[in-house]
């Protein structure tokens, strides 16, 4: 969990990464944070996936991410471990959302079943929900998560790091941020419940 000093420090950051498993609420969290801090949001899924859920070739993807992180300010949501080495060094702060695997699986399933493709700011229509994707979510704590924290250890020693474990931490985080003097009166898109 974060301290008041962490929250104050976060309000001075211009480049923030929101990381975590698929289904952890990264996009919703990033949109809500963007409304409070008044920073533009970049959804990596919107840049990686082409219509029909065709992926961007790796070399082109790295070039795209390199261009994105050079912007003056941003909140970037998305994992894409193949470009963590580009994003983590460019960030001022990293926020990692950690929820139980079953929660992430449920959210991914629920999102695919209930969310209209047109309402997703982070991806093209027709999201795939296949066995490899569900397997990725299930295995995330043992495969991708260790890679994430290795990259953080290597590239983010001097960066603000906030790890939110579960929905209670997420709610406390936003309560603390909304109470910060510099954030009072800023738009908190609370309608986007995480």
Protein backbone atom coordinates (compact mmCIF):
# COMPACT_ATOMS: atom_id res chain seq x y z
CA UNK A 1 0.00 0.00 0.00
CA UNK A 2 1.07 3.60 -0.48
CA UNK A 3 1.80 6.36 1.99
CA UNK A 4 0.72 10.00 1.88
CA UNK A 5 4.23 10.84 0.68
CA UNK A 6 3.79 8.39 -2.21
CA UNK A 7 0.50 10.02 -3.17
CA UNK A 8 2.02 13.50 -3.06
CA UNK A 9 4.97 12.29 -5.12
CA UNK A 10 2.61 10.67 -7.63
CA UNK A 11 0.83 13.97 -8.21
CA UNK A 12 4.12 15.44 -9.47
CA UNK A 13 4.77 12.59 -11.92
CA UNK A 14 4.20 13.18 -15.63
CA UNK A 15 4.74 9.62 -16.90
CA UNK A 16 2.96 6.78 -15.12
CA UNK A 17 2.75 3.09 -16.01
CA UNK A 18 -0.22 1.00 -14.92
CA UNK A 19 0.73 -2.67 -15.00
CA UNK A 20 -0.81 -6.00 -14.05
CA UNK A 21 -2.46 -9.12 -15.38
CA UNK A 22 -5.16 -9.05 -18.01
CA UNK A 23 -8.41 -8.54 -16.14
CA UNK A 24 -6.75 -6.67 -13.27
CA UNK A 25 -8.50 -3.40 -14.15
CA UNK A 26 -5.59 -1.52 -15.73
CA UNK A 27 -7.67 0.39 -18.28
CA UNK A 28 -10.37 1.42 -15.82
CA UNK A 29 -7.71 2.41 -13.27
CA UNK A 30 -5.75 4.42 -15.86
CA UNK A 31 -8.86 6.28 -17.02
CA UNK A 32 -9.82 7.15 -13.47
CA UNK A 33 -6.27 8.28 -12.63
CA UNK A 34 -6.18 10.34 -15.82
CA UNK A 35 -9.35 12.16 -14.80
CA UNK A 36 -7.78 13.16 -11.50
CA UNK A 37 -4.23 13.98 -12.59
CA UNK A 38 -5.26 15.44 -15.95
CA UNK A 39 -2.71 13.37 -17.87
CA UNK A 40 -3.41 11.76 -21.26
CA UNK A 41 -4.01 8.02 -21.28
CA UNK A 42 -2.35 5.68 -23.76
CA UNK A 43 -3.93 2.24 -24.09
CA UNK A 44 -1.31 -0.14 -25.47
CA UNK A 45 -3.95 -2.56 -26.74
CA UNK A 46 -5.25 0.18 -29.05
CA UNK A 47 -1.80 0.50 -30.61
CA UNK A 48 -0.87 -3.19 -30.70
CA UNK A 49 -4.03 -4.78 -32.06
CA UNK A 50 -5.21 -4.05 -35.59
CA UNK A 51 -8.80 -4.71 -36.78
CA UNK A 52 -9.66 -8.37 -36.55
CA UNK A 53 -7.26 -8.71 -33.63
CA UNK A 54 -4.19 -8.97 -35.82
CA UNK A 55 -1.04 -8.23 -33.81
CA UNK A 56 1.63 -5.72 -34.77
CA UNK A 57 4.96 -7.28 -35.83
CA UNK A 58 7.51 -7.16 -33.00
CA UNK A 59 10.01 -4.76 -34.60
CA UNK A 60 7.27 -2.31 -35.57
CA UNK A 61 5.73 -2.67 -32.09
CA UNK A 62 8.97 -1.69 -30.37
CA UNK A 63 9.27 1.36 -32.65
CA UNK A 64 5.69 2.36 -31.82
CA UNK A 65 6.26 2.04 -28.08
CA UNK A 66 9.53 3.98 -28.34
CA UNK A 67 7.63 6.85 -29.96
CA UNK A 68 4.85 6.70 -27.37
CA UNK A 69 7.18 6.91 -24.36
CA UNK A 70 8.91 9.97 -25.80
CA UNK A 71 5.76 12.05 -25.29
CA UNK A 72 5.98 14.66 -22.54
CA UNK A 73 3.30 13.16 -20.30
CA UNK A 74 1.19 10.04 -20.18
CA UNK A 75 -0.47 7.28 -18.24
CA UNK A 76 0.19 4.06 -20.15
CA UNK A 77 -1.84 0.95 -19.39
CA UNK A 78 -0.85 -2.49 -20.60
CA UNK A 79 1.60 -5.28 -19.84
CA UNK A 80 3.36 -6.30 -23.07
CA UNK A 81 6.46 -7.63 -21.36
CA UNK A 82 8.39 -7.44 -24.66
CA UNK A 83 8.51 -3.64 -24.30
CA UNK A 84 8.86 -3.24 -20.53
CA UNK A 85 12.54 -2.41 -21.08
CA UNK A 86 11.43 0.66 -23.08
CA UNK A 87 8.60 1.82 -20.84
CA UNK A 88 9.93 1.29 -17.31
CA UNK A 89 13.05 3.50 -17.74
CA UNK A 90 10.92 6.27 -19.30
CA UNK A 91 8.35 6.29 -16.46
CA UNK A 92 8.37 8.44 -13.33
CA UNK A 93 6.07 6.05 -11.49
CA UNK A 94 4.82 2.49 -11.77
CA UNK A 95 1.53 1.26 -10.37
CA UNK A 96 1.11 -2.51 -10.29
CA UNK A 97 -2.37 -3.95 -9.83
CA UNK A 98 -2.36 -7.37 -8.22
CA UNK A 99 -5.62 -9.24 -7.97
CA UNK A 100 -6.28 -12.97 -7.48
CA UNK A 101 -6.19 -15.04 -10.65
CA UNK A 102 -9.85 -15.98 -10.35
CA UNK A 103 -10.80 -12.31 -10.13
CA UNK A 104 -8.79 -11.54 -13.27
CA UNK A 105 -10.29 -14.50 -15.15
CA UNK A 106 -13.80 -13.52 -14.09
CA UNK A 107 -13.27 -9.90 -15.16
CA UNK A 108 -11.89 -10.94 -18.55
CA UNK A 109 -14.84 -13.26 -19.15
CA UNK A 110 -17.34 -10.68 -17.92
CA UNK A 111 -15.78 -7.95 -20.07
CA UNK A 112 -16.02 -10.07 -23.19
CA UNK A 113 -19.61 -11.08 -22.52
CA UNK A 114 -21.05 -7.77 -21.29
CA UNK A 115 -19.00 -4.91 -22.73
CA UNK A 116 -19.98 -3.61 -26.13
CA UNK A 117 -16.94 -3.43 -28.45
CA UNK A 118 -17.74 0.20 -29.25
CA UNK A 119 -17.33 1.23 -25.59
CA UNK A 120 -13.79 -0.10 -25.24
CA UNK A 121 -11.31 2.75 -25.63
CA UNK A 122 -8.39 0.38 -25.41
CA UNK A 123 -8.96 -2.11 -28.20
CA UNK A 124 -10.48 -2.69 -31.63
CA UNK A 125 -13.80 -4.53 -31.96
CA UNK A 126 -13.96 -8.31 -31.76
CA UNK A 127 -11.67 -9.10 -28.86
CA UNK A 128 -10.56 -12.71 -28.79
CA UNK A 129 -11.22 -14.70 -25.66
CA UNK A 130 -9.55 -17.99 -26.38
CA UNK A 131 -7.84 -20.72 -24.37
CA UNK A 132 -4.31 -19.26 -24.77
CA UNK A 133 -5.53 -15.90 -23.43
CA UNK A 134 -7.23 -17.51 -20.43
CA UNK A 135 -4.12 -19.63 -19.86
CA UNK A 136 -1.99 -16.44 -19.92
CA UNK A 137 -4.13 -14.95 -17.15
CA UNK A 138 -4.01 -18.15 -15.09
CA UNK A 139 -0.23 -18.47 -15.42
CA UNK A 140 0.53 -14.76 -15.02
CA UNK A 141 1.67 -15.02 -11.34
CA UNK A 142 4.27 -17.64 -12.27
CA UNK A 143 5.38 -16.48 -15.72
CA UNK A 144 4.84 -12.79 -16.49
CA UNK A 145 4.79 -11.35 -12.97
CA UNK A 146 8.37 -12.46 -12.18
CA UNK A 147 9.56 -10.88 -15.45
CA UNK A 148 7.80 -7.64 -14.51
CA UNK A 149 9.46 -7.43 -11.11
CA UNK A 150 12.88 -8.34 -12.59
CA UNK A 151 12.50 -5.43 -15.00
CA UNK A 152 11.42 -3.12 -12.18
CA UNK A 153 14.44 -4.18 -10.11
CA UNK A 154 16.73 -3.49 -13.06
CA UNK A 155 15.26 -0.23 -14.41
CA UNK A 156 13.18 1.38 -11.67
CA UNK A 157 15.24 1.64 -8.49
CA UNK A 158 14.75 5.42 -8.37
CA UNK A 159 11.11 5.40 -9.53
CA UNK A 160 7.99 5.63 -7.42
CA UNK A 161 6.56 2.12 -7.16
CA UNK A 162 3.05 1.48 -5.88
CA UNK A 163 1.69 -2.06 -5.64
CA UNK A 164 -2.04 -2.34 -4.99
CA UNK A 165 -3.06 -5.80 -3.82
CA UNK A 166 -6.76 -6.23 -4.30
CA UNK A 167 -9.77 -4.01 -4.71
CA UNK A 168 -9.57 -2.66 -1.16
CA UNK A 169 -6.12 -1.19 -1.89
CA UNK A 170 -7.43 0.33 -5.13
CA UNK A 171 -10.29 2.04 -3.29
CA UNK A 172 -7.97 3.31 -0.54
CA UNK A 173 -5.57 4.61 -3.18
CA UNK A 174 -8.25 6.71 -4.87
CA UNK A 175 -9.61 7.93 -1.53
CA UNK A 176 -6.12 9.11 -0.60
CA UNK A 177 -5.53 10.69 -4.00
CA UNK A 178 -8.88 12.49 -3.98
CA UNK A 179 -8.09 13.85 -0.50
CA UNK A 180 -4.72 15.26 -1.60
CA UNK A 181 -4.90 19.09 -1.68
CA UNK A 182 -3.63 19.26 -5.25
CA UNK A 183 -6.33 16.87 -6.47
CA UNK A 184 -9.41 18.24 -4.71
CA UNK A 185 -11.94 19.36 -7.23
CA UNK A 186 -10.33 17.44 -10.09
CA UNK A 187 -12.58 15.13 -12.03
CA UNK A 188 -12.60 11.65 -10.54
CA UNK A 189 -14.35 9.48 -13.07
CA UNK A 190 -15.82 7.48 -10.20
CA UNK A 191 -18.47 6.13 -12.53
CA UNK A 192 -15.69 3.89 -13.85
CA UNK A 193 -15.69 1.58 -10.85
CA UNK A 194 -12.56 -0.55 -10.71
